[in-house]
Protein backbone atom coordinates (compact mmCIF):
# COMPACT_ATOMS: atom_id res chain seq x y z
CA MET A 1 18.61 -3.43 12.67
CA PRO A 2 19.02 -0.17 14.55
CA SER A 3 17.47 -0.07 18.00
CA GLY A 4 16.46 3.57 17.79
CA PRO A 5 16.78 6.81 15.83
CA GLY A 6 20.16 8.43 15.42
CA ILE A 7 22.77 9.53 12.92
CA ARG A 8 22.63 7.84 9.53
CA LEU A 9 25.18 7.86 6.76
CA ILE A 10 23.39 8.26 3.42
CA ASP A 11 25.06 6.71 0.38
CA LYS A 12 24.72 8.16 -3.12
CA TYR A 13 21.90 5.84 -4.11
CA GLU A 14 19.75 6.66 -1.08
CA ALA A 15 20.47 10.39 -1.37
CA ALA A 16 19.39 10.38 -5.03
CA LEU A 17 16.26 8.39 -4.17
CA LEU A 18 15.31 10.76 -1.33
CA GLN A 19 15.83 13.76 -3.61
CA ARG A 20 13.50 12.22 -6.20
CA ILE A 21 10.94 11.53 -3.48
CA CYS A 22 11.03 15.14 -2.24
CA ASP A 23 10.68 16.48 -5.78
CA ALA A 24 7.72 14.21 -6.54
CA TYR A 25 6.09 14.97 -3.19
CA GLY A 26 6.30 18.72 -3.74
CA LYS A 27 4.67 18.47 -7.15
CA ALA A 28 1.96 16.08 -5.87
CA VAL A 29 1.05 18.39 -2.98
CA ALA A 30 0.89 21.43 -5.23
CA ASP A 31 -1.25 19.64 -7.83
CA GLU A 32 -3.50 18.04 -5.19
CA ALA A 33 -4.68 21.52 -4.24
CA CYS A 34 -5.82 22.11 -7.84
CA ALA A 35 -7.21 18.62 -8.54
CA PRO A 36 -10.93 17.78 -8.60
CA GLU A 37 -12.16 17.40 -5.03
CA HIS A 38 -13.20 13.77 -5.43
CA PHE A 39 -9.51 12.86 -6.03
CA GLY A 40 -8.43 14.48 -2.76
CA PRO A 41 -7.65 12.66 0.50
CA SER A 42 -10.44 10.76 2.24
CA PRO A 43 -11.85 12.17 5.50
CA TRP A 44 -9.94 9.48 7.40
CA TRP A 45 -6.62 10.38 5.77
CA LYS A 46 -7.17 14.08 6.44
CA GLU A 47 -7.34 13.22 10.15
CA VAL A 48 -4.15 11.14 10.00
CA ARG A 49 -2.36 13.86 8.04
CA GLU A 50 -3.29 16.62 10.47
CA ARG A 51 -2.74 14.58 13.64
CA ASP A 52 0.42 12.62 12.88
CA LEU A 53 2.23 13.66 9.72
CA SER A 54 3.17 17.32 10.19
CA GLY A 55 6.77 16.33 10.97
CA VAL A 56 7.44 14.26 7.86
CA ARG A 57 5.48 16.65 5.66
CA GLY A 58 7.72 19.50 6.77
CA VAL A 59 10.88 17.48 6.19
CA LEU A 60 9.70 16.46 2.70
CA ALA A 61 8.82 20.04 1.83
CA GLN A 62 12.22 21.29 3.06
CA HIS A 63 14.13 18.59 1.16
CA ASP A 64 15.96 17.73 4.38
CA LEU A 65 17.43 14.44 3.19
CA GLU A 66 19.24 13.60 6.45
CA LYS A 67 16.15 13.97 8.63
CA LEU A 68 14.02 12.17 6.08
CA SER A 69 16.48 9.26 5.99
CA ILE A 70 16.30 8.93 9.79
CA MET A 71 12.50 8.99 9.75
CA TYR A 72 12.10 6.50 6.91
CA ALA A 73 14.77 4.15 8.27
CA ASN A 74 12.46 3.75 11.30
CA PHE A 75 9.05 4.22 9.72
CA PHE A 76 7.52 1.28 11.57
CA ARG A 77 8.22 3.15 14.81
CA ASN A 78 8.18 6.77 13.63
CA PRO A 79 5.00 8.89 13.23
CA CYS A 80 5.69 9.06 9.47
CA GLY A 81 4.33 5.50 9.25
CA LYS A 82 1.03 6.21 11.01
CA GLY A 83 -1.97 5.02 9.05
CA LEU A 84 0.23 2.75 6.91
CA VAL A 85 1.87 0.36 9.38
CA ARG A 86 0.05 -2.18 11.52
CA ARG A 87 0.93 -1.04 15.05
CA PRO A 88 0.34 -2.72 18.40
CA PRO A 89 -3.10 -2.07 19.96
CA ALA A 90 -3.49 1.31 21.72
CA LYS A 91 -0.21 2.65 20.31
CA THR A 92 -1.46 6.08 19.32
CA SER A 93 1.52 8.19 20.42
CA SER A 94 2.99 10.64 17.94
CA CYS A 95 6.33 10.80 19.75
CA GLU A 96 9.48 10.81 17.65
CA TYR A 97 10.12 7.11 18.25
CA LEU A 98 7.85 4.29 19.33
CA GLU A 99 9.23 2.23 22.19
CA LEU A 100 7.63 -1.16 22.74
CA ARG A 101 6.73 -2.47 26.18
CA GLU A 102 6.63 -6.16 27.08
CA GLU A 103 2.85 -6.00 26.71
CA ASP A 104 3.23 -4.62 23.18
CA ILE A 105 5.72 -7.32 22.23
CA ALA A 106 3.35 -10.02 23.52
CA ASN A 107 0.49 -8.51 21.50
CA ILE A 108 2.62 -8.41 18.35
CA ARG A 109 3.57 -12.07 18.73
CA LYS A 110 -0.05 -13.05 19.29
CA ASP A 111 -1.22 -10.99 16.32
CA VAL A 112 1.45 -12.34 13.94
CA SER A 113 0.84 -15.92 15.03
CA TYR A 114 -2.90 -15.61 14.41
CA ARG A 115 -2.46 -13.96 11.02
CA VAL A 116 0.16 -16.47 9.86
CA GLN A 117 -2.47 -19.13 10.47
CA CYS A 118 -4.93 -17.11 8.35
CA TRP A 119 -2.23 -16.86 5.67
CA ARG A 120 -1.71 -20.61 5.69
CA GLU A 121 -5.43 -21.19 5.27
CA VAL A 122 -5.96 -18.75 2.38
CA THR A 123 -2.84 -19.95 0.56
CA SER A 124 -3.78 -23.62 1.19
CA GLY A 125 -0.50 -24.26 2.99
CA THR A 126 1.40 -24.60 -0.31
CA ILE A 127 3.90 -21.74 0.09
CA PRO A 128 7.07 -21.90 2.23
CA LEU A 129 6.96 -19.46 5.13
CA ALA A 130 10.38 -18.14 4.13
CA GLU A 131 8.80 -16.44 1.08
CA MET A 132 7.06 -14.04 3.48
CA GLN A 133 10.23 -12.75 5.09
CA GLY A 134 10.41 -8.98 4.71
CA ALA A 135 13.08 -6.68 3.34
CA GLY A 136 14.10 -5.32 6.74
CA ILE A 137 13.41 -1.75 5.59
CA GLY A 138 11.93 0.64 8.16
CA ASN A 139 13.18 -1.13 11.31
CA PRO A 140 10.11 -3.40 11.38
CA PHE A 141 8.70 -5.15 14.39
CA GLY A 142 7.22 -8.61 14.12
CA ALA A 143 7.75 -12.12 15.45
CA MET A 144 9.75 -15.27 14.82
CA VAL A 145 7.60 -18.06 13.40
CA ASP A 146 9.23 -21.43 12.64
CA GLY A 147 12.64 -19.78 12.36
CA CYS A 148 11.47 -16.92 10.09
CA PHE A 149 11.07 -13.30 11.16
CA ILE A 150 7.66 -12.11 9.97
CA ASP A 151 7.04 -8.36 9.82
CA THR A 152 3.73 -7.37 11.36
CA GLY A 153 1.09 -7.03 8.64
CA SER A 154 3.13 -8.84 6.00
CA GLU A 155 0.97 -11.98 6.26
CA TYR A 156 -1.97 -10.11 4.78
CA HIS A 157 0.09 -8.28 2.15
CA HIS A 158 1.66 -11.53 0.93
CA ALA A 159 -1.71 -13.27 0.73
CA CYS A 160 -3.11 -10.38 -1.32
CA ALA A 161 -0.13 -10.57 -3.69
CA VAL A 162 -0.68 -14.30 -4.19
CA ARG A 163 -4.36 -13.70 -4.92
CA ILE A 164 -3.68 -10.92 -7.43
CA ALA A 165 -0.92 -12.88 -9.19
CA GLY A 166 -3.38 -15.72 -9.74
CA LEU A 167 -6.02 -13.58 -11.45
CA SER A 168 -4.27 -13.15 -14.79
CA ASP A 169 -1.75 -14.91 -16.98
CA LYS A 170 1.23 -13.15 -18.52
CA ASN A 171 2.42 -9.58 -19.13
CA VAL A 172 0.08 -8.26 -16.46
CA VAL A 173 -0.60 -4.63 -15.55
CA VAL A 174 -1.79 -4.21 -11.95
CA ALA A 175 -3.18 -0.95 -10.57
CA GLU A 176 -3.60 -0.44 -6.84
CA ILE A 177 -5.75 2.21 -5.19
CA GLY A 178 -4.09 3.10 -1.90
CA GLY A 179 -0.95 0.96 -1.84
CA GLY A 180 0.29 1.97 1.62
CA TYR A 181 4.03 1.71 2.13
CA GLY A 182 4.47 -0.79 -0.71
CA CYS A 183 4.69 -4.15 1.08
CA MET A 184 2.10 -5.90 -1.11
CA ALA A 185 3.68 -4.44 -4.25
CA ARG A 186 7.09 -5.84 -3.34
CA TYR A 187 5.72 -9.34 -2.84
CA LEU A 188 3.78 -9.09 -6.09
CA LEU A 189 6.77 -7.93 -8.14
CA ILE A 190 8.93 -10.69 -6.67
CA GLN A 191 6.37 -13.37 -7.54
CA ARG A 192 5.83 -12.31 -11.14
CA GLU A 193 8.62 -10.80 -13.22
CA ASP A 194 6.12 -10.00 -15.99
CA ILE A 195 4.01 -7.72 -13.77
CA ARG A 196 4.05 -3.94 -14.07
CA TYR A 197 2.60 -2.13 -11.10
CA CYS A 198 0.94 1.28 -10.79
CA ASN A 199 -0.15 2.73 -7.45
CA PHE A 200 -2.50 5.69 -6.99
CA ASP A 201 -2.30 7.22 -3.51
CA VAL A 202 -1.96 10.40 -1.47
CA PRO A 203 1.42 12.22 -1.51
CA GLU A 204 2.60 11.07 1.94
CA SER A 205 1.93 7.40 1.15
CA LEU A 206 3.56 7.64 -2.26
CA ALA A 207 6.68 9.12 -0.71
CA LEU A 208 7.05 6.31 1.81
CA ALA A 209 6.24 3.63 -0.79
CA ALA A 210 8.89 5.09 -3.10
CA TYR A 211 11.45 4.80 -0.30
CA TYR A 212 10.45 1.24 0.65
CA LEU A 213 10.34 -0.07 -2.91
CA GLY A 214 13.38 1.90 -4.01
CA MET A 215 15.49 0.60 -1.12
CA SER A 216 14.20 -2.99 -1.22
CA MET A 217 14.09 -3.39 -5.03
CA PRO A 218 16.78 -1.12 -6.47
CA GLU A 219 16.93 -3.28 -9.59
CA CYS A 220 13.36 -2.28 -10.54
CA GLU A 221 13.03 0.93 -12.53
CA MET A 222 10.55 3.24 -10.81
CA GLN A 223 8.68 6.27 -12.12
CA LEU A 224 7.61 8.98 -9.68
CA TYR A 225 5.20 11.84 -10.22
CA GLY A 226 6.58 14.57 -12.47
CA GLU A 227 9.37 12.44 -13.92
CA ASP A 228 7.52 11.40 -17.11
CA GLU A 229 4.26 12.60 -18.59
CA SER A 230 3.38 9.21 -20.07
CA MET A 231 1.48 6.52 -18.18
CA LEU A 232 2.31 2.81 -18.39
CA SER A 233 5.24 3.32 -20.73
CA GLN A 234 7.14 0.14 -21.48
CA ARG A 235 10.14 0.76 -19.24
CA PRO A 236 9.36 1.16 -15.49
CA ARG A 237 7.95 -1.77 -13.56
CA ILE A 238 6.82 0.54 -10.74
CA ILE A 239 4.77 3.70 -11.27
CA LEU A 240 3.67 5.78 -8.25
CA MET A 241 1.10 8.50 -8.94
CA PRO A 242 -1.51 10.68 -7.19
CA PRO A 243 -5.14 9.63 -7.77
CA MET A 244 -6.01 12.20 -10.45
CA GLU A 245 -3.41 10.58 -12.74
CA MET A 246 -5.68 7.57 -13.25
CA LEU A 247 -7.54 9.79 -15.73
CA LYS A 248 -4.55 9.33 -18.06
CA LEU A 249 -4.80 5.54 -18.18
CA ALA A 250 -5.98 4.26 -21.53
CA ARG A 251 -9.28 2.41 -21.80
CA GLN A 252 -8.97 -1.28 -20.84
CA SER A 253 -5.24 -0.98 -20.13
CA VAL A 254 -5.20 -2.63 -16.69
CA ASP A 255 -5.64 -6.36 -16.03
CA VAL A 256 -6.24 -6.29 -12.27
CA THR A 257 -7.15 -3.36 -10.04
CA PHE A 258 -6.73 -3.93 -6.32
CA SER A 259 -7.80 -1.92 -3.29
CA SER A 260 -7.53 -2.79 0.38
CA HIS A 261 -9.28 -0.63 2.97
CA ALA A 262 -9.13 2.39 0.65
CA LEU A 263 -12.28 2.50 -1.45
CA CYS A 264 -14.38 1.91 1.67
CA ASP A 265 -12.94 5.09 3.21
CA LEU A 266 -14.13 7.30 0.36
CA THR A 267 -17.30 9.35 0.44
CA ALA A 268 -20.08 8.03 -1.80
CA TRP A 269 -19.49 10.92 -4.19
CA SER A 270 -15.76 10.17 -4.54
CA LEU A 271 -16.33 6.42 -4.72
CA GLU A 272 -18.63 6.77 -7.72
CA THR A 273 -15.94 8.73 -9.58
CA TYR A 274 -13.25 6.18 -8.73
CA LEU A 275 -15.38 3.22 -9.78
CA ALA A 276 -16.34 4.86 -13.09
CA GLU A 277 -12.64 5.34 -13.84
CA ILE A 278 -11.69 1.81 -12.74
CA ALA A 279 -14.43 0.36 -14.95
CA ARG A 280 -13.12 2.44 -17.86
CA PHE A 281 -9.46 1.43 -17.63
CA SER A 282 -10.04 -2.21 -16.58
CA ARG A 283 -9.91 -5.13 -18.95
CA GLY A 284 -9.98 -7.69 -16.17
CA PHE A 285 -10.97 -7.61 -12.52
CA LEU A 286 -11.39 -5.32 -9.54
CA LEU A 287 -10.41 -7.03 -6.28
CA ASP A 288 -11.66 -5.02 -3.29
CA ALA A 289 -10.86 -5.95 0.32
CA GLY A 290 -12.08 -4.39 3.54
CA ARG A 291 -15.37 -3.22 4.95
CA GLU A 292 -18.26 -3.49 2.53
CA SER A 293 -19.30 0.07 1.76
CA HIS A 294 -21.93 1.38 -0.68
CA PRO A 295 -22.42 -1.93 -2.57
CA GLU A 296 -25.18 -0.31 -4.64
CA ILE A 297 -22.60 2.06 -6.18
CA PHE A 298 -20.29 -0.82 -7.10
CA LYS A 299 -23.17 -2.56 -8.89
CA ARG A 300 -23.66 0.42 -11.20
CA PHE A 301 -20.31 -0.37 -12.81
CA PHE A 302 -19.40 -3.95 -11.90
CA ALA A 303 -20.86 -7.44 -11.66
CA MET A 304 -19.91 -9.45 -8.59
CA VAL A 305 -17.95 -12.59 -9.42
CA GLU A 306 -17.46 -13.81 -5.86
CA GLN A 307 -17.37 -12.59 -2.29
CA LYS A 308 -16.04 -14.14 0.91
CA LYS A 309 -15.74 -13.00 4.48
CA THR A 310 -12.21 -12.52 5.77
CA LEU A 311 -10.94 -12.91 9.32
CA TRP A 312 -7.59 -11.09 9.24
CA ASN A 313 -8.58 -8.67 11.99
CA ALA A 314 -10.84 -10.95 14.03
CA GLN A 315 -8.14 -11.62 16.63
CA ARG A 316 -7.99 -7.92 17.49
CA ASN A 317 -11.66 -7.22 16.97
CA LYS A 318 -14.09 -10.11 17.11
CA HIS A 319 -16.81 -7.85 15.69
CA ALA A 320 -14.83 -6.96 12.57
CA VAL A 321 -16.87 -7.63 9.42
CA GLU A 322 -14.70 -7.55 6.32
CA HIS A 323 -14.96 -9.08 2.87
CA GLU A 324 -12.86 -9.77 -0.17
CA THR A 325 -14.96 -9.15 -3.27
CA LEU A 326 -14.03 -9.86 -6.88
CA TRP A 327 -15.77 -7.69 -9.46
CA GLN A 328 -15.80 -7.54 -13.24
CA PRO A 329 -16.77 -4.49 -15.30
CA LEU A 330 -20.31 -4.68 -16.64
CA ASN A 331 -19.04 -4.27 -20.19
CA LYS A 332 -16.94 -7.43 -19.85
CA PRO A 333 -18.42 -10.93 -20.25
CA ALA A 334 -18.14 -13.25 -17.26
CA THR A 335 -15.36 -15.83 -17.48
């Protein structure tokens, strides 16, 4: 892995992928300005965008493929990954490249070790640790555990993928609200070859997810915004779209909808719109993880199947109160 930013040689595949990403980003940004307000960025993401992402937004808008390649090749340590990558505590700098001190490295090791133990508990210790090894995209930081390098944050993403994969049988369509840089999606697509995945997210996240998934899973056909007007066509396994595109999903066309720390960031007004849409296009479950927020709004559209407290962030914050809640649309009978 590279130790820092610098000159990168871009091959034809990466250049074509970056060009697609810039094209899709430009269309998503333009259409976001015209979309209904409740499908716009959450208040939290607006802060991240304004504080940390001006650099990558400018590069995307300018179609500067060389600069974008350098940024994305180091997105764990570059400001373009802020809000999407689990960083060491107190690392709030927006400098061009994040350098880790010995204290940061010690914190990363402690964090990964704790969360690997959480992963072992929620997966019942039945999965080899090697299955959690990352793709090496983005110059990740992490820790060696039992001879395996574990990217920071991947413990949680892998556990979520295992949970989602177990919620339905074959030929599954999974929709994610706020898929981050695509780590969970990669694990999910590796586990189940019959899964087709659709992610609804803000333009900056979609761009980074397209890079991560495109570079780590080049064999998977991927549809970006503006490339095809149809939704959930039979060909691409990966579909990355801005939130307003969920309006195009057919009724009861999705088996599992997943959201982690995304729905809880929405205003009550936006959340109600999202949940109404999720209930419309769902034929299976909604799995929501994160802080419990506005449960009364959820209950207008969904019946709770089960809920459990999670401890993924308890090592960093002993006061963290987070849940994983499984919901089923009210128009669907309990199973």
